[in-house]
Amino acid sequence: MTDAKDERRPAGELEASVMAALWAAGAPQTPGQVQLTLGADLARTTVTTILTRLHDKGMVERRRQGRGYAYIPLQDAHGLTARRMHSELNRDTDRERVLARFVAQLSADDERTLRDLLESDDYR
């Protein structure tokens, strides 16, 4: 039975919590292990559903372990943030305008960092 508390949490928050638990573990985790890490207020079925969604989105890999699966993240937190940024950029047909507004809202330090990255051979 799903707890009412599970149903009120936004899916993105649950996904972020599950990903944080997987990153912290540093090894493949079963839904039960993730549930223990996150605390008793989440049902194991809820954790399994979130892990399945993350797998369907290509964010985690799953490996057979007994009758179920163990899950491991395919990217670190920085890679996931970059992927989300690309996803948002791809939603708009006017990429130039989106990028221009993004850059216009950067702090001076972030703008300097972006310029340095664009001029660096390390990121090409």
C-alpha atoms as a PDB file:
ATOM      1  CA  MET A   1       0.000   0.000   0.000  1.00  0.00           C
ATOM      2  CA  THR A   2       1.336   3.418  -0.966  1.00  0.00           C
ATOM      3  CA  ASP A   3       1.572   5.960   1.800  1.00  0.00           C
ATOM      4  CA  ALA A   4      -0.243   9.273   1.186  1.00  0.00           C
ATOM      5  CA  LYS A   5       3.055  11.012   1.869  1.00  0.00           C
ATOM      6  CA  ASP A   6       4.578   9.226  -1.185  1.00  0.00           C
ATOM      7  CA  GLU A   7       1.763  10.464  -3.432  1.00  0.00           C
ATOM      8  CA  ARG A   8       2.183  14.123  -2.448  1.00  0.00           C
ATOM      9  CA  ARG A   9       5.870  14.328  -3.317  1.00  0.00           C
ATOM     10  CA  PRO A  10       6.680  15.555  -6.813  1.00  0.00           C
ATOM     11  CA  ALA A  11       8.155  12.822  -9.024  1.00  0.00           C
ATOM     12  CA  GLY A  12      11.228  14.973  -9.723  1.00  0.00           C
ATOM     13  CA  GLU A  13      11.973  15.191  -6.000  1.00  0.00           C
ATOM     14  CA  LEU A  14      11.686  11.435  -5.613  1.00  0.00           C
ATOM     15  CA  GLU A  15      13.891  10.845  -8.651  1.00  0.00           C
ATOM     16  CA  ALA A  16      16.503  13.231  -7.267  1.00  0.00           C
ATOM     17  CA  SER A  17      16.449  11.466  -3.892  1.00  0.00           C
ATOM     18  CA  VAL A  18      16.812   8.045  -5.514  1.00  0.00           C
ATOM     19  CA  MET A  19      19.677   9.253  -7.725  1.00  0.00           C
ATOM     20  CA  ALA A  20      21.421  10.760  -4.669  1.00  0.00           C
ATOM     21  CA  ALA A  21      21.125   7.419  -2.873  1.00  0.00           C
ATOM     22  CA  LEU A  22      22.611   5.574  -5.863  1.00  0.00           C
ATOM     23  CA  TRP A  23      25.499   8.033  -6.187  1.00  0.00           C
ATOM     24  CA  ALA A  24      26.254   7.799  -2.469  1.00  0.00           C
ATOM     25  CA  ALA A  25      26.265   3.988  -2.578  1.00  0.00           C
ATOM     26  CA  GLY A  26      28.862   3.795  -5.353  1.00  0.00           C
ATOM     27  CA  ALA A  27      27.706   0.267  -6.242  1.00  0.00           C
ATOM     28  CA  PRO A  28      24.575  -1.272  -7.775  1.00  0.00           C
ATOM     29  CA  GLN A  29      21.612  -1.074  -5.401  1.00  0.00           C
ATOM     30  CA  THR A  30      18.359  -3.012  -5.232  1.00  0.00           C
ATOM     31  CA  PRO A  31      15.082  -1.163  -4.630  1.00  0.00           C
ATOM     32  CA  GLY A  32      15.129  -2.479  -1.062  1.00  0.00           C
ATOM     33  CA  GLN A  33      18.613  -1.078  -0.452  1.00  0.00           C
ATOM     34  CA  VAL A  34      17.595   2.295  -1.871  1.00  0.00           C
ATOM     35  CA  GLN A  35      14.490   2.268   0.328  1.00  0.00           C
ATOM     36  CA  LEU A  36      16.624   1.647   3.430  1.00  0.00           C
ATOM     37  CA  THR A  37      18.904   4.532   2.470  1.00  0.00           C
ATOM     38  CA  LEU A  38      15.990   6.923   1.939  1.00  0.00           C
ATOM     39  CA  GLY A  39      14.079   5.942   5.062  1.00  0.00           C
ATOM     40  CA  ALA A  40      10.956   4.031   5.965  1.00  0.00           C
ATOM     41  CA  ASP A  41       8.500   6.699   4.746  1.00  0.00           C
ATOM     42  CA  LEU A  42       8.740   5.389   1.147  1.00  0.00           C
ATOM     43  CA  ALA A  43       7.161   2.130   0.066  1.00  0.00           C
ATOM     44  CA  ARG A  44       9.472  -0.300  -1.749  1.00  0.00           C
ATOM     45  CA  THR A  45       7.011  -0.373  -4.644  1.00  0.00           C
ATOM     46  CA  THR A  46       7.343   3.401  -4.954  1.00  0.00           C
ATOM     47  CA  VAL A  47      11.138   3.107  -5.069  1.00  0.00           C
ATOM     48  CA  THR A  48      10.847   0.328  -7.675  1.00  0.00           C
ATOM     49  CA  THR A  49       8.566   2.504  -9.815  1.00  0.00           C
ATOM     50  CA  ILE A  50      10.992   5.448  -9.631  1.00  0.00           C
ATOM     51  CA  LEU A  51      13.955   3.199 -10.516  1.00  0.00           C
ATOM     52  CA  THR A  52      12.026   1.768 -13.476  1.00  0.00           C
ATOM     53  CA  ARG A  53      11.232   5.281 -14.708  1.00  0.00           C
ATOM     54  CA  LEU A  54      14.877   6.301 -14.333  1.00  0.00           C
ATOM     55  CA  HIS A  55      15.871   3.222 -16.334  1.00  0.00           C
ATOM     56  CA  ASP A  56      13.324   4.044 -19.052  1.00  0.00           C
ATOM     57  CA  LYS A  57      14.778   7.578 -19.248  1.00  0.00           C
ATOM     58  CA  GLY A  58      18.303   6.178 -19.672  1.00  0.00           C
ATOM     59  CA  MET A  59      19.546   7.586 -16.384  1.00  0.00           C
ATOM     60  CA  VAL A  60      20.347   4.269 -14.689  1.00  0.00           C
ATOM     61  CA  GLU A  61      21.419   0.836 -15.816  1.00  0.00           C
ATOM     62  CA  ARG A  62      19.901  -2.240 -14.265  1.00  0.00           C
ATOM     63  CA  ARG A  63      21.463  -5.638 -13.801  1.00  0.00           C
ATOM     64  CA  ARG A  64      19.777  -8.885 -12.862  1.00  0.00           C
ATOM     65  CA  GLN A  65      20.232  -9.719  -9.221  1.00  0.00           C
ATOM     66  CA  GLY A  66      18.270 -12.739  -8.073  1.00  0.00           C
ATOM     67  CA  ARG A  67      14.653 -12.349  -9.133  1.00  0.00           C
ATOM     68  CA  GLY A  68      14.931  -8.575  -9.407  1.00  0.00           C
ATOM     69  CA  TYR A  69      17.339  -5.888 -10.476  1.00  0.00           C
ATOM     70  CA  ALA A  70      20.115  -3.802  -9.002  1.00  0.00           C
ATOM     71  CA  TYR A  71      20.479  -0.278 -10.380  1.00  0.00           C
ATOM     72  CA  ILE A  72      23.503   1.942 -10.988  1.00  0.00           C
ATOM     73  CA  PRO A  73      23.592   5.523 -12.319  1.00  0.00           C
ATOM     74  CA  LEU A  74      24.921   6.040 -15.840  1.00  0.00           C
ATOM     75  CA  GLN A  75      26.060   9.609 -15.116  1.00  0.00           C
ATOM     76  CA  ASP A  76      27.273  11.590 -12.160  1.00  0.00           C
ATOM     77  CA  ALA A  77      25.318  14.556 -10.814  1.00  0.00           C
ATOM     78  CA  HIS A  78      27.115  17.027 -13.098  1.00  0.00           C
ATOM     79  CA  GLY A  79      26.415  14.913 -16.162  1.00  0.00           C
ATOM     80  CA  LEU A  80      22.768  14.674 -15.216  1.00  0.00           C
ATOM     81  CA  THR A  81      22.490  18.454 -14.823  1.00  0.00           C
ATOM     82  CA  ALA A  82      24.114  18.951 -18.223  1.00  0.00           C
ATOM     83  CA  ARG A  83      21.685  16.438 -19.732  1.00  0.00           C
ATOM     84  CA  ARG A  84      18.728  18.360 -18.270  1.00  0.00           C
ATOM     85  CA  MET A  85      20.106  21.608 -19.681  1.00  0.00           C
ATOM     86  CA  HIS A  86      20.363  20.019 -23.142  1.00  0.00           C
ATOM     87  CA  SER A  87      16.847  18.643 -22.812  1.00  0.00           C
ATOM     88  CA  GLU A  88      15.465  22.090 -22.017  1.00  0.00           C
ATOM     89  CA  LEU A  89      17.409  23.646 -24.898  1.00  0.00           C
ATOM     90  CA  ASN A  90      16.031  21.027 -27.297  1.00  0.00           C
ATOM     91  CA  ARG A  91      12.433  21.883 -26.346  1.00  0.00           C
ATOM     92  CA  ASP A  92      12.593  25.283 -28.060  1.00  0.00           C
ATOM     93  CA  THR A  93      12.900  25.851 -31.803  1.00  0.00           C
ATOM     94  CA  ASP A  94      14.875  29.098 -31.420  1.00  0.00           C
ATOM     95  CA  ARG A  95      18.068  27.808 -29.824  1.00  0.00           C
ATOM     96  CA  GLU A  96      19.942  31.058 -30.451  1.00  0.00           C
ATOM     97  CA  ARG A  97      17.398  33.098 -28.498  1.00  0.00           C
ATOM     98  CA  VAL A  98      17.359  30.595 -25.629  1.00  0.00           C
ATOM     99  CA  LEU A  99      21.158  30.569 -25.431  1.00  0.00           C
ATOM    100  CA  ALA A 100      21.301  34.375 -25.643  1.00  0.00           C
ATOM    101  CA  ARG A 101      18.881  34.732 -22.739  1.00  0.00           C
ATOM    102  CA  PHE A 102      20.716  32.087 -20.752  1.00  0.00           C
ATOM    103  CA  VAL A 103      24.042  33.883 -21.202  1.00  0.00           C
ATOM    104  CA  ALA A 104      22.459  37.270 -20.431  1.00  0.00           C
ATOM    105  CA  GLN A 105      21.355  35.916 -17.043  1.00  0.00           C
ATOM    106  CA  LEU A 106      24.767  34.532 -16.056  1.00  0.00           C
ATOM    107  CA  SER A 107      26.741  36.159 -13.285  1.00  0.00           C
ATOM    108  CA  ALA A 108      30.035  37.758 -14.276  1.00  0.00           C
ATOM    109  CA  ASP A 109      31.924  34.810 -12.750  1.00  0.00           C
ATOM    110  CA  ASP A 110      29.807  32.249 -14.616  1.00  0.00           C
ATOM    111  CA  GLU A 111      30.204  34.170 -17.863  1.00  0.00           C
ATOM    112  CA  ARG A 112      33.984  34.185 -17.396  1.00  0.00           C
ATOM    113  CA  THR A 113      33.925  30.450 -16.687  1.00  0.00           C
ATOM    114  CA  LEU A 114      31.860  29.805 -19.804  1.00  0.00           C
ATOM    115  CA  ARG A 115      34.246  31.876 -21.937  1.00  0.00           C
ATOM    116  CA  ASP A 116      37.221  29.961 -20.528  1.00  0.00           C
ATOM    117  CA  LEU A 117      35.533  26.638 -21.257  1.00  0.00           C
ATOM    118  CA  LEU A 118      34.667  27.630 -24.824  1.00  0.00           C
ATOM    119  CA  GLU A 119      38.274  28.691 -25.454  1.00  0.00           C
ATOM    120  CA  SER A 120      39.720  25.552 -23.870  1.00  0.00           C
ATOM    121  CA  ASP A 121      40.671  22.526 -25.951  1.00  0.00           C
ATOM    122  CA  ASP A 122      39.632  20.266 -23.048  1.00  0.00           C
ATOM    123  CA  TYR A 123      35.922  20.571 -23.809  1.00  0.00           C
ATOM    124  CA  ARG A 124      35.894  20.209 -27.584  1.00  0.00           C
END
